[in-house]
PDB file of all heavy atoms in Angstrom:
ATOM      1  N   GLN A   1     144.372  65.364 -23.685  1.00  0.00           N
ATOM      2  CA  GLN A   1     143.480  65.198 -22.546  1.00  0.00           C
ATOM      3  C   GLN A   1     144.256  64.735 -21.317  1.00  0.00           C
ATOM      4  O   GLN A   1     145.335  64.154 -21.438  1.00  0.00           O
ATOM      5  CB  GLN A   1     142.383  64.185 -22.869  1.00  0.00           C
ATOM      6  CG  GLN A   1     141.408  64.641 -23.935  1.00  0.00           C
ATOM      7  CD  GLN A   1     140.305  63.632 -24.167  1.00  0.00           C
ATOM      8  OE1 GLN A   1     140.484  62.433 -23.968  1.00  0.00           O
ATOM      9  NE2 GLN A   1     139.147  64.110 -24.582  1.00  0.00           N
ATOM     10  N   PRO A   2     143.737  64.996 -20.120  1.00  0.00           N
ATOM     11  CA  PRO A   2     144.383  64.468 -18.922  1.00  0.00           C
ATOM     12  C   PRO A   2     144.577  62.955 -19.023  1.00  0.00           C
ATOM     13  O   PRO A   2     143.680  62.234 -19.466  1.00  0.00           O
ATOM     14  CB  PRO A   2     143.406  64.834 -17.805  1.00  0.00           C
ATOM     15  CG  PRO A   2     142.703  66.048 -18.316  1.00  0.00           C
ATOM     16  CD  PRO A   2     142.566  65.831 -19.802  1.00  0.00           C
ATOM     17  N   GLY A   3     145.756  62.489 -18.613  1.00  0.00           N
ATOM     18  CA  GLY A   3     146.102  61.086 -18.733  1.00  0.00           C
ATOM     19  C   GLY A   3     146.788  60.725 -20.032  1.00  0.00           C
ATOM     20  O   GLY A   3     147.299  59.606 -20.162  1.00  0.00           O
ATOM     21  N   GLY A   4     146.829  61.644 -20.975  1.00  0.00           N
ATOM     22  CA  GLY A   4     147.462  61.403 -22.252  1.00  0.00           C
ATOM     23  C   GLY A   4     148.964  61.569 -22.197  1.00  0.00           C
ATOM     24  O   GLY A   4     149.544  61.851 -21.143  1.00  0.00           O
ATOM     25  N   SER A   5     149.608  61.406 -23.363  1.00  0.00           N
ATOM     26  CA  SER A   5     151.063  61.454 -23.457  1.00  0.00           C
ATOM     27  C   SER A   5     151.512  62.346 -24.606  1.00  0.00           C
ATOM     28  O   SER A   5     150.810  62.498 -25.608  1.00  0.00           O
ATOM     29  CB  SER A   5     151.638  60.051 -23.665  1.00  0.00           C
ATOM     30  OG  SER A   5     151.336  59.189 -22.582  1.00  0.00           O
ATOM     31  N   LEU A   6     152.696  62.922 -24.452  1.00  0.00           N
ATOM     32  CA  LEU A   6     153.359  63.686 -25.490  1.00  0.00           C
ATOM     33  C   LEU A   6     154.852  63.425 -25.406  1.00  0.00           C
ATOM     34  O   LEU A   6     155.373  63.129 -24.326  1.00  0.00           O
ATOM     35  CB  LEU A   6     153.118  65.188 -25.344  1.00  0.00           C
ATOM     36  CG  LEU A   6     151.778  65.766 -25.790  1.00  0.00           C
ATOM     37  CD1 LEU A   6     151.720  67.248 -25.429  1.00  0.00           C
ATOM     38  CD2 LEU A   6     151.576  65.585 -27.282  1.00  0.00           C
ATOM     39  N   ARG A   7     155.536  63.559 -26.542  1.00  0.00           N
ATOM     40  CA  ARG A   7     156.982  63.438 -26.581  1.00  0.00           C
ATOM     41  C   ARG A   7     157.560  64.691 -27.220  1.00  0.00           C
ATOM     42  O   ARG A   7     157.317  64.968 -28.395  1.00  0.00           O
ATOM     43  CB  ARG A   7     157.412  62.212 -27.379  1.00  0.00           C
ATOM     44  CG  ARG A   7     158.911  61.913 -27.275  1.00  0.00           C
ATOM     45  CD  ARG A   7     159.357  60.898 -28.303  1.00  0.00           C
ATOM     46  NE  ARG A   7     160.705  60.414 -28.071  1.00  0.00           N
ATOM     47  CZ  ARG A   7     161.460  59.822 -28.996  1.00  0.00           C
ATOM     48  NH1 ARG A   7     160.970  59.622 -30.217  1.00  0.00           N
ATOM     49  NH2 ARG A   7     162.685  59.407 -28.694  1.00  0.00           N
ATOM     50  N   LEU A   8     158.319  65.459 -26.447  1.00  0.00           N
ATOM     51  CA  LEU A   8     158.962  66.664 -26.934  1.00  0.00           C
ATOM     52  C   LEU A   8     160.361  66.346 -27.438  1.00  0.00           C
ATOM     53  O   LEU A   8     161.057  65.503 -26.875  1.00  0.00           O
ATOM     54  CB  LEU A   8     159.051  67.716 -25.834  1.00  0.00           C
ATOM     55  CG  LEU A   8     157.746  68.113 -25.138  1.00  0.00           C
ATOM     56  CD1 LEU A   8     158.015  69.216 -24.125  1.00  0.00           C
ATOM     57  CD2 LEU A   8     156.695  68.539 -26.142  1.00  0.00           C
ATOM     58  N   SER A   9     160.774  67.047 -28.500  1.00  0.00           N
ATOM     59  CA  SER A   9     162.104  66.898 -29.061  1.00  0.00           C
ATOM     60  C   SER A   9     162.774  68.260 -29.143  1.00  0.00           C
ATOM     61  O   SER A   9     162.112  69.274 -29.362  1.00  0.00           O
ATOM     62  CB  SER A   9     162.054  66.274 -30.459  1.00  0.00           C
ATOM     63  OG  SER A   9     161.474  64.993 -30.433  1.00  0.00           O
ATOM     64  N   CYS A  10     164.089  68.279 -28.988  1.00  0.00           N
ATOM     65  CA  CYS A  10     164.874  69.498 -29.114  1.00  0.00           C
ATOM     66  C   CYS A  10     166.168  69.143 -29.824  1.00  0.00           C
ATOM     67  O   CYS A  10     167.010  68.432 -29.258  1.00  0.00           O
ATOM     68  CB  CYS A  10     165.143  70.116 -27.744  1.00  0.00           C
ATOM     69  SG  CYS A  10     166.217  71.567 -27.776  1.00  0.00           S
ATOM     70  N   ALA A  11     166.327  69.627 -31.051  1.00  0.00           N
ATOM     71  CA  ALA A  11     167.491  69.313 -31.873  1.00  0.00           C
ATOM     72  C   ALA A  11     168.421  70.514 -31.966  1.00  0.00           C
ATOM     73  O   ALA A  11     167.986  71.626 -32.278  1.00  0.00           O
ATOM     74  CB  ALA A  11     167.053  68.881 -33.267  1.00  0.00           C
ATOM     75  N   ALA A  12     169.700  70.294 -31.712  1.00  0.00           N
ATOM     76  CA  ALA A  12     170.712  71.338 -31.800  1.00  0.00           C
ATOM     77  C   ALA A  12     171.423  71.277 -33.145  1.00  0.00           C
ATOM     78  O   ALA A  12     171.688  70.194 -33.672  1.00  0.00           O
ATOM     79  CB  ALA A  12     171.730  71.200 -30.672  1.00  0.00           C
ATOM     80  N   SER A  13     171.733  72.450 -33.702  1.00  0.00           N
ATOM     81  CA  SER A  13     172.450  72.520 -34.968  1.00  0.00           C
ATOM     82  C   SER A  13     173.487  73.637 -34.906  1.00  0.00           C
ATOM     83  O   SER A  13     173.344  74.591 -34.140  1.00  0.00           O
ATOM     84  CB  SER A  13     171.493  72.744 -36.140  1.00  0.00           C
ATOM     85  OG  SER A  13     170.795  73.974 -36.004  1.00  0.00           O
ATOM     86  N   GLY A  14     174.511  73.528 -35.741  1.00  0.00           N
ATOM     87  CA  GLY A  14     175.582  74.503 -35.771  1.00  0.00           C
ATOM     88  C   GLY A  14     176.935  73.823 -35.727  1.00  0.00           C
ATOM     89  O   GLY A  14     177.050  72.616 -35.918  1.00  0.00           O
ATOM     90  N   ARG A  15     177.958  74.626 -35.474  1.00  0.00           N
ATOM     91  CA  ARG A  15     179.319  74.087 -35.399  1.00  0.00           C
ATOM     92  C   ARG A  15     179.569  73.523 -33.999  1.00  0.00           C
ATOM     93  O   ARG A  15     180.358  74.053 -33.224  1.00  0.00           O
ATOM     94  CB  ARG A  15     180.328  75.170 -35.749  1.00  0.00           C
ATOM     95  CG  ARG A  15     180.236  75.653 -37.198  1.00  0.00           C
ATOM     96  CD  ARG A  15     181.310  76.675 -37.501  1.00  0.00           C
ATOM     97  NE  ARG A  15     181.301  77.064 -38.904  1.00  0.00           N
ATOM     98  CZ  ARG A  15     182.157  77.916 -39.446  1.00  0.00           C
ATOM     99  NH1 ARG A  15     183.096  78.485 -38.697  1.00  0.00           N
ATOM    100  NH2 ARG A  15     182.066  78.214 -40.731  1.00  0.00           N
ATOM    101  N   ILE A  16     178.904  72.419 -33.705  1.00  0.00           N
ATOM    102  CA  ILE A  16     178.937  71.815 -32.382  1.00  0.00           C
ATOM    103  C   ILE A  16     180.103  70.847 -32.258  1.00  0.00           C
ATOM    104  O   ILE A  16     180.293  69.979 -33.113  1.00  0.00           O
ATOM    105  CB  ILE A  16     177.617  71.094 -32.090  1.00  0.00           C
ATOM    106  CG1 ILE A  16     176.463  72.098 -32.090  1.00  0.00           C
ATOM    107  CG2 ILE A  16     177.696  70.352 -30.764  1.00  0.00           C
ATOM    108  CD1 ILE A  16     175.104  71.453 -32.036  1.00  0.00           C
ATOM    109  N   PHE A  17     180.851  70.995 -31.170  1.00  0.00           N
ATOM    110  CA  PHE A  17     181.918  70.056 -30.870  1.00  0.00           C
ATOM    111  C   PHE A  17     181.424  68.982 -29.914  1.00  0.00           C
ATOM    112  O   PHE A  17     181.631  67.793 -30.144  1.00  0.00           O
ATOM    113  CB  PHE A  17     183.139  70.774 -30.304  1.00  0.00           C
ATOM    114  CG  PHE A  17     184.293  69.853 -30.010  1.00  0.00           C
ATOM    115  CD1 PHE A  17     185.072  69.354 -31.034  1.00  0.00           C
ATOM    116  CD2 PHE A  17     184.598  69.478 -28.709  1.00  0.00           C
ATOM    117  CE1 PHE A  17     186.135  68.503 -30.780  1.00  0.00           C
ATOM    118  CE2 PHE A  17     185.659  68.627 -28.440  1.00  0.00           C
ATOM    119  CZ  PHE A  17     186.431  68.136 -29.474  1.00  0.00           C
ATOM    120  N   THR A  18     180.761  69.412 -28.831  1.00  0.00           N
ATOM    121  CA  THR A  18     180.194  68.465 -27.899  1.00  0.00           C
ATOM    122  C   THR A  18     179.092  69.156 -27.094  1.00  0.00           C
ATOM    123  O   THR A  18     179.114  70.364 -26.909  1.00  0.00           O
ATOM    124  CB  THR A  18     181.265  67.894 -26.954  1.00  0.00           C
ATOM    125  OG1 THR A  18     180.724  66.808 -26.201  1.00  0.00           O
ATOM    126  CG2 THR A  18     181.768  68.960 -26.004  1.00  0.00           C
ATOM    127  N   ILE A  19     178.125  68.374 -26.639  1.00  0.00           N
ATOM    128  CA  ILE A  19     177.034  68.871 -25.812  1.00  0.00           C
ATOM    129  C   ILE A  19     177.158  68.264 -24.423  1.00  0.00           C
ATOM    130  O   ILE A  19     177.218  67.039 -24.286  1.00  0.00           O
ATOM    131  CB  ILE A  19     175.663  68.536 -26.414  1.00  0.00           C
ATOM    132  CG1 ILE A  19     175.536  69.130 -27.819  1.00  0.00           C
ATOM    133  CG2 ILE A  19     174.540  69.050 -25.514  1.00  0.00           C
ATOM    134  CD1 ILE A  19     174.225  68.808 -28.511  1.00  0.00           C
ATOM    135  N   TYR A  20     177.183  69.118 -23.412  1.00  0.00           N
ATOM    136  CA  TYR A  20     177.290  68.652 -22.038  1.00  0.00           C
ATOM    137  C   TYR A  20     175.894  68.447 -21.455  1.00  0.00           C
ATOM    138  O   TYR A  20     175.114  67.670 -21.999  1.00  0.00           O
ATOM    139  CB  TYR A  20     178.126  69.638 -21.224  1.00  0.00           C
ATOM    140  CG  TYR A  20     179.544  69.778 -21.736  1.00  0.00           C
ATOM    141  CD1 TYR A  20     179.955  70.907 -22.441  1.00  0.00           C
ATOM    142  CD2 TYR A  20     180.477  68.762 -21.543  1.00  0.00           C
ATOM    143  CE1 TYR A  20     181.255  71.028 -22.917  1.00  0.00           C
ATOM    144  CE2 TYR A  20     181.776  68.877 -22.022  1.00  0.00           C
ATOM    145  CZ  TYR A  20     182.157  70.010 -22.704  1.00  0.00           C
ATOM    146  OH  TYR A  20     183.448  70.114 -23.180  1.00  0.00           O
ATOM    147  N   ASP A  21     175.559  69.127 -20.374  1.00  0.00           N
ATOM    148  CA  ASP A  21     174.248  68.942 -19.757  1.00  0.00           C
ATOM    149  C   ASP A  21     173.132  69.483 -20.647  1.00  0.00           C
ATOM    150  O   ASP A  21     173.287  70.497 -21.325  1.00  0.00           O
ATOM    151  CB  ASP A  21     174.193  69.645 -18.404  1.00  0.00           C
ATOM    152  CG  ASP A  21     175.118  69.017 -17.385  1.00  0.00           C
ATOM    153  OD1 ASP A  21     175.724  67.974 -17.686  1.00  0.00           O
ATOM    154  OD2 ASP A  21     175.229  69.573 -16.278  1.00  0.00           O
ATOM    155  N   MET A  22     171.982  68.793 -20.632  1.00  0.00           N
ATOM    156  CA  MET A  22     170.795  69.230 -21.342  1.00  0.00           C
ATOM    157  C   MET A  22     169.621  69.211 -20.363  1.00  0.00           C
ATOM    158  O   MET A  22     169.527  68.313 -19.522  1.00  0.00           O
ATOM    159  CB  MET A  22     170.501  68.335 -22.551  1.00  0.00           C
ATOM    160  CG  MET A  22     171.681  68.185 -23.497  1.00  0.00           C
ATOM    161  SD  MET A  22     171.298  67.259 -25.004  1.00  0.00           S
ATOM    162  CE  MET A  22     170.472  68.537 -25.967  1.00  0.00           C
ATOM    163  N   GLU A  23     168.734  70.198 -20.477  1.00  0.00           N
ATOM    164  CA  GLU A  23     167.652  70.371 -19.519  1.00  0.00           C
ATOM    165  C   GLU A  23     166.357  70.772 -20.215  1.00  0.00           C
ATOM    166  O   GLU A  23     166.356  71.317 -21.320  1.00  0.00           O
ATOM    167  CB  GLU A  23     168.008  71.449 -18.485  1.00  0.00           C
ATOM    168  CG  GLU A  23     169.255  71.130 -17.666  1.00  0.00           C
ATOM    169  CD  GLU A  23     169.642  72.267 -16.751  1.00  0.00           C
ATOM    170  OE1 GLU A  23     169.537  73.438 -17.183  1.00  0.00           O
ATOM    171  OE2 GLU A  23     170.028  71.987 -15.598  1.00  0.00           O
ATOM    172  N   TRP A  24     165.241  70.495 -19.535  1.00  0.00           N
ATOM    173  CA  TRP A  24     163.932  70.984 -19.925  1.00  0.00           C
ATOM    174  C   TRP A  24     163.378  71.866 -18.814  1.00  0.00           C
ATOM    175  O   TRP A  24     163.370  71.467 -17.651  1.00  0.00           O
ATOM    176  CB  TRP A  24     162.953  69.839 -20.206  1.00  0.00           C
ATOM    177  CG  TRP A  24     163.188  69.129 -21.490  1.00  0.00           C
ATOM    178  CD1 TRP A  24     163.877  67.973 -21.686  1.00  0.00           C
ATOM    179  CD2 TRP A  24     162.715  69.537 -22.783  1.00  0.00           C
ATOM    180  NE1 TRP A  24     163.870  67.623 -23.009  1.00  0.00           N
ATOM    181  CE2 TRP A  24     163.163  68.560 -23.710  1.00  0.00           C
ATOM    182  CE3 TRP A  24     161.959  70.612 -23.247  1.00  0.00           C
ATOM    183  CZ2 TRP A  24     162.879  68.644 -25.075  1.00  0.00           C
ATOM    184  CZ3 TRP A  24     161.684  70.689 -24.606  1.00  0.00           C
ATOM    185  CH2 TRP A  24     162.139  69.718 -25.493  1.00  0.00           C
ATOM    186  N   TYR A  25     162.912  73.069 -19.180  1.00  0.00           N
ATOM    187  CA  TYR A  25     162.222  73.984 -18.294  1.00  0.00           C
ATOM    188  C   TYR A  25     160.793  74.162 -18.792  1.00  0.00           C
ATOM    189  O   TYR A  25     160.464  73.833 -19.930  1.00  0.00           O
ATOM    190  CB  TYR A  25     162.906  75.350 -18.266  1.00  0.00           C
ATOM    191  CG  TYR A  25     164.222  75.406 -17.514  1.00  0.00           C
ATOM    192  CD1 TYR A  25     165.388  74.915 -18.072  1.00  0.00           C
ATOM    193  CD2 TYR A  25     164.284  75.977 -16.241  1.00  0.00           C
ATOM    194  CE1 TYR A  25     166.595  74.975 -17.391  1.00  0.00           C
ATOM    195  CE2 TYR A  25     165.482  76.050 -15.556  1.00  0.00           C
ATOM    196  CZ  TYR A  25     166.632  75.551 -16.136  1.00  0.00           C
ATOM    197  OH  TYR A  25     167.832  75.623 -15.458  1.00  0.00           O
ATOM    198  N   ARG A  26     159.934  74.704 -17.930  1.00  0.00           N
ATOM    199  CA  ARG A  26     158.590  75.071 -18.348  1.00  0.00           C
ATOM    200  C   ARG A  26     158.148  76.334 -17.622  1.00  0.00           C
ATOM    201  O   ARG A  26     158.619  76.623 -16.521  1.00  0.00           O
ATOM    202  CB  ARG A  26     157.583  73.942 -18.102  1.00  0.00           C
ATOM    203  CG  ARG A  26     157.309  73.634 -16.639  1.00  0.00           C
ATOM    204  CD  ARG A  26     156.395  72.424 -16.521  1.00  0.00           C
ATOM    205  NE  ARG A  26     156.082  72.102 -15.143  1.00  0.00           N
ATOM    206  CZ  ARG A  26     155.412  71.028 -14.760  1.00  0.00           C
ATOM    207  NH1 ARG A  26     154.975  70.154 -15.684  1.00  0.00           N
ATOM    208  NH2 ARG A  26     155.162  70.806 -13.481  1.00  0.00           N
ATOM    209  N   GLN A  27     157.236  77.074 -18.256  1.00  0.00           N
ATOM    210  CA  GLN A  27     156.721  78.297 -17.674  1.00  0.00           C
ATOM    211  C   GLN A  27     155.237  78.419 -17.996  1.00  0.00           C
ATOM    212  O   GLN A  27     154.853  78.474 -19.164  1.00  0.00           O
ATOM    213  CB  GLN A  27     157.478  79.519 -18.189  1.00  0.00           C
ATOM    214  CG  GLN A  27     157.092  80.818 -17.500  1.00  0.00           C
ATOM    215  CD  GLN A  27     158.039  81.953 -17.823  1.00  0.00           C
ATOM    216  OE1 GLN A  27     158.712  81.942 -18.852  1.00  0.00           O
ATOM    217  NE2 GLN A  27     158.111  82.928 -16.939  1.00  0.00           N
ATOM    218  N   ALA A  28     154.417  78.450 -16.960  1.00  0.00           N
ATOM    219  CA  ALA A  28     152.982  78.629 -17.097  1.00  0.00           C
ATOM    220  C   ALA A  28     152.641  80.111 -16.946  1.00  0.00           C
ATOM    221  O   ALA A  28     153.395  80.865 -16.326  1.00  0.00           O
ATOM    222  CB  ALA A  28     152.233  77.806 -16.059  1.00  0.00           C
ATOM    223  N   PRO A  29     151.498  80.558 -17.497  1.00  0.00           N
ATOM    224  CA  PRO A  29     151.113  81.961 -17.364  1.00  0.00           C
ATOM    225  C   PRO A  29     151.050  82.394 -15.906  1.00  0.00           C
ATOM    226  O   PRO A  29     150.457  81.721 -15.068  1.00  0.00           O
ATOM    227  CB  PRO A  29     149.724  82.009 -18.015  1.00  0.00           C
ATOM    228  CG  PRO A  29     149.736  80.882 -18.992  1.00  0.00           C
ATOM    229  CD  PRO A  29     150.546  79.799 -18.323  1.00  0.00           C
ATOM    230  N   GLY A  30     151.686  83.521 -15.600  1.00  0.00           N
ATOM    231  CA  GLY A  30     151.675  84.051 -14.255  1.00  0.00           C
ATOM    232  C   GLY A  30     152.610  83.365 -13.284  1.00  0.00           C
ATOM    233  O   GLY A  30     152.609  83.708 -12.100  1.00  0.00           O
ATOM    234  N   LYS A  31     153.406  82.415 -13.750  1.00  0.00           N
ATOM    235  CA  LYS A  31     154.326  81.688 -12.885  1.00  0.00           C
ATOM    236  C   LYS A  31     155.758  81.823 -13.394  1.00  0.00           C
ATOM    237  O   LYS A  31     155.997  82.143 -14.554  1.00  0.00           O
ATOM    238  CB  LYS A  31     153.945  80.210 -12.805  1.00  0.00           C
ATOM    239  CG  LYS A  31     152.565  79.941 -12.235  1.00  0.00           C
ATOM    240  CD  LYS A  31     152.268  78.464 -12.167  1.00  0.00           C
ATOM    241  CE  LYS A  31     153.189  77.754 -11.201  1.00  0.00           C
ATOM    242  NZ  LYS A  31     152.859  76.304 -11.077  1.00  0.00           N
ATOM    243  N   GLN A  32     156.707  81.581 -12.499  1.00  0.00           N
ATOM    244  CA  GLN A  32     158.114  81.627 -12.861  1.00  0.00           C
ATOM    245  C   GLN A  32     158.519  80.378 -13.637  1.00  0.00           C
ATOM    246  O   GLN A  32     157.909  79.314 -13.498  1.00  0.00           O
ATOM    247  CB  GLN A  32     158.984  81.771 -11.611  1.00  0.00           C
ATOM    248  CG  GLN A  32     158.791  83.072 -10.853  1.00  0.00           C
ATOM    249  CD  GLN A  32     159.736  83.184  -9.671  1.00  0.00           C
ATOM    250  OE1 GLN A  32     160.445  82.244  -9.324  1.00  0.00           O
ATOM    251  NE2 GLN A  32     159.752  84.348  -9.054  1.00  0.00           N
ATOM    252  N   ARG A  33     159.555  80.519 -14.446  1.00  0.00           N
ATOM    253  CA  ARG A  33     160.087  79.377 -15.168  1.00  0.00           C
ATOM    254  C   ARG A  33     160.730  78.409 -14.178  1.00  0.00           C
ATOM    255  O   ARG A  33     161.468  78.825 -13.279  1.00  0.00           O
ATOM    256  CB  ARG A  33     161.108  79.835 -16.207  1.00  0.00           C
ATOM    257  CG  ARG A  33     161.617  78.736 -17.111  1.00  0.00           C
ATOM    258  CD  ARG A  33     162.477  79.290 -18.246  1.00  0.00           C
ATOM    259  NE  ARG A  33     161.723  80.214 -19.087  1.00  0.00           N
ATOM    260  CZ  ARG A  33     162.203  80.750 -20.203  1.00  0.00           C
ATOM    261  NH1 ARG A  33     163.436  80.451 -20.619  1.00  0.00           N
ATOM    262  NH2 ARG A  33     161.454  81.595 -20.910  1.00  0.00           N
ATOM    263  N   GLU A  34     160.452  77.106 -14.329  1.00  0.00           N
ATOM    264  CA  GLU A  34     160.956  76.113 -13.413  1.00  0.00           C
ATOM    265  C   GLU A  34     161.650  74.984 -14.160  1.00  0.00           C
ATOM    266  O   GLU A  34     161.287  74.648 -15.285  1.00  0.00           O
ATOM    267  CB  GLU A  34     159.831  75.536 -12.544  1.00  0.00           C
ATOM    268  CG  GLU A  34     158.770  74.780 -13.324  1.00  0.00           C
ATOM    269  CD  GLU A  34     157.731  74.128 -12.432  1.00  0.00           C
ATOM    270  OE1 GLU A  34     157.957  74.029 -11.214  1.00  0.00           O
ATOM    271  OE2 GLU A  34     156.673  73.711 -12.966  1.00  0.00           O
ATOM    272  N   LEU A  35     162.641  74.392 -13.503  1.00  0.00           N
ATOM    273  CA  LEU A  35     163.363  73.256 -14.065  1.00  0.00           C
ATOM    274  C   LEU A  35     162.515  71.998 -13.928  1.00  0.00           C
ATOM    275  O   LEU A  35     162.060  71.663 -12.831  1.00  0.00           O
ATOM    276  CB  LEU A  35     164.703  73.084 -13.360  1.00  0.00           C
ATOM    277  CG  LEU A  35     165.563  71.896 -13.799  1.00  0.00           C
ATOM    278  CD1 LEU A  35     165.993  72.046 -15.254  1.00  0.00           C
ATOM    279  CD2 LEU A  35     166.785  71.770 -12.894  1.00  0.00           C
ATOM    280  N   VAL A  36     162.319  71.283 -15.037  1.00  0.00           N
ATOM    281  CA  VAL A  36     161.513  70.070 -15.058  1.00  0.00           C
ATOM    282  C   VAL A  36     162.380  68.825 -14.967  1.00  0.00           C
ATOM    283  O   VAL A  36     162.111  67.917 -14.178  1.00  0.00           O
ATOM    284  CB  VAL A  36     160.637  70.011 -16.324  1.00  0.00           C
ATOM    285  CG1 VAL A  36     159.869  68.699 -16.390  1.00  0.00           C
ATOM    286  CG2 VAL A  36     159.678  71.190 -16.357  1.00  0.00           C
ATOM    287  N   ALA A  37     163.420  68.763 -15.798  1.00  0.00           N
ATOM    288  CA  ALA A  37     164.281  67.584 -15.847  1.00  0.00           C
ATOM    289  C   ALA A  37     165.625  67.960 -16.439  1.00  0.00           C
ATOM    290  O   ALA A  37     165.734  68.909 -17.216  1.00  0.00           O
ATOM    291  CB  ALA A  37     163.637  66.468 -16.676  1.00  0.00           C
ATOM    292  N   SER A  38     166.653  67.208 -16.079  1.00  0.00           N
ATOM    293  CA  SER A  38     167.988  67.433 -16.610  1.00  0.00           C
ATOM    294  C   SER A  38     168.673  66.096 -16.841  1.00  0.00           C
ATOM    295  O   SER A  38     168.371  65.099 -16.172  1.00  0.00           O
ATOM    296  CB  SER A  38     168.825  68.311 -15.675  1.00  0.00           C
ATOM    297  OG  SER A  38     169.031  67.673 -14.428  1.00  0.00           O
ATOM    298  N   ILE A  39     169.613  66.090 -17.780  1.00  0.00           N
ATOM    299  CA  ILE A  39     170.411  64.899 -18.050  1.00  0.00           C
ATOM    300  C   ILE A  39     171.842  65.350 -18.310  1.00  0.00           C
ATOM    301  O   ILE A  39     172.097  66.251 -19.107  1.00  0.00           O
ATOM    302  CB  ILE A  39     169.837  64.085 -19.229  1.00  0.00           C
ATOM    303  CG1 ILE A  39     170.651  62.806 -19.441  1.00  0.00           C
ATOM    304  CG2 ILE A  39     169.752  64.913 -20.506  1.00  0.00           C
ATOM    305  CD1 ILE A  39     169.963  61.816 -20.377  1.00  0.00           C
ATOM    306  N   SER A  40     172.799  64.735 -17.626  1.00  0.00           N
ATOM    307  CA  SER A  40     174.193  65.113 -17.738  1.00  0.00           C
ATOM    308  C   SER A  40     174.854  64.395 -18.901  1.00  0.00           C
ATOM    309  O   SER A  40     174.287  63.483 -19.510  1.00  0.00           O
ATOM    310  CB  SER A  40     174.926  64.795 -16.438  1.00  0.00           C
ATOM    311  OG  SER A  40     175.055  63.393 -16.270  1.00  0.00           O
ATOM    312  N   SER A  41     176.078  64.817 -19.209  1.00  0.00           N
ATOM    313  CA  SER A  41     176.834  64.156 -20.266  1.00  0.00           C
ATOM    314  C   SER A  41     177.129  62.703 -19.922  1.00  0.00           C
ATOM    315  O   SER A  41     177.318  61.881 -20.819  1.00  0.00           O
ATOM    316  CB  SER A  41     178.136  64.906 -20.537  1.00  0.00           C
ATOM    317  OG  SER A  41     178.936  64.981 -19.365  1.00  0.00           O
ATOM    318  N   GLY A  42     177.166  62.383 -18.629  1.00  0.00           N
ATOM    319  CA  GLY A  42     177.377  61.018 -18.190  1.00  0.00           C
ATOM    320  C   GLY A  42     176.118  60.186 -18.114  1.00  0.00           C
ATOM    321  O   GLY A  42     176.180  59.001 -17.759  1.00  0.00           O
ATOM    322  N   GLY A  43     174.959  60.780 -18.416  1.00  0.00           N
ATOM    323  CA  GLY A  43     173.699  60.057 -18.429  1.00  0.00           C
ATOM    324  C   GLY A  43     172.885  60.155 -17.159  1.00  0.00           C
ATOM    325  O   GLY A  43     171.778  59.611 -17.099  1.00  0.00           O
TER     326      GLY A  43
END
């Protein structure tokens, strides 16, 4: 409902050495995909 909360998770798997920048995008029907938030390797 409006005013509520959710927590999204995204887990990476594979032969990973290191992960640099990580980002969240979103796309609504009829709209272009947009950048929501990003976090760099430095935080």
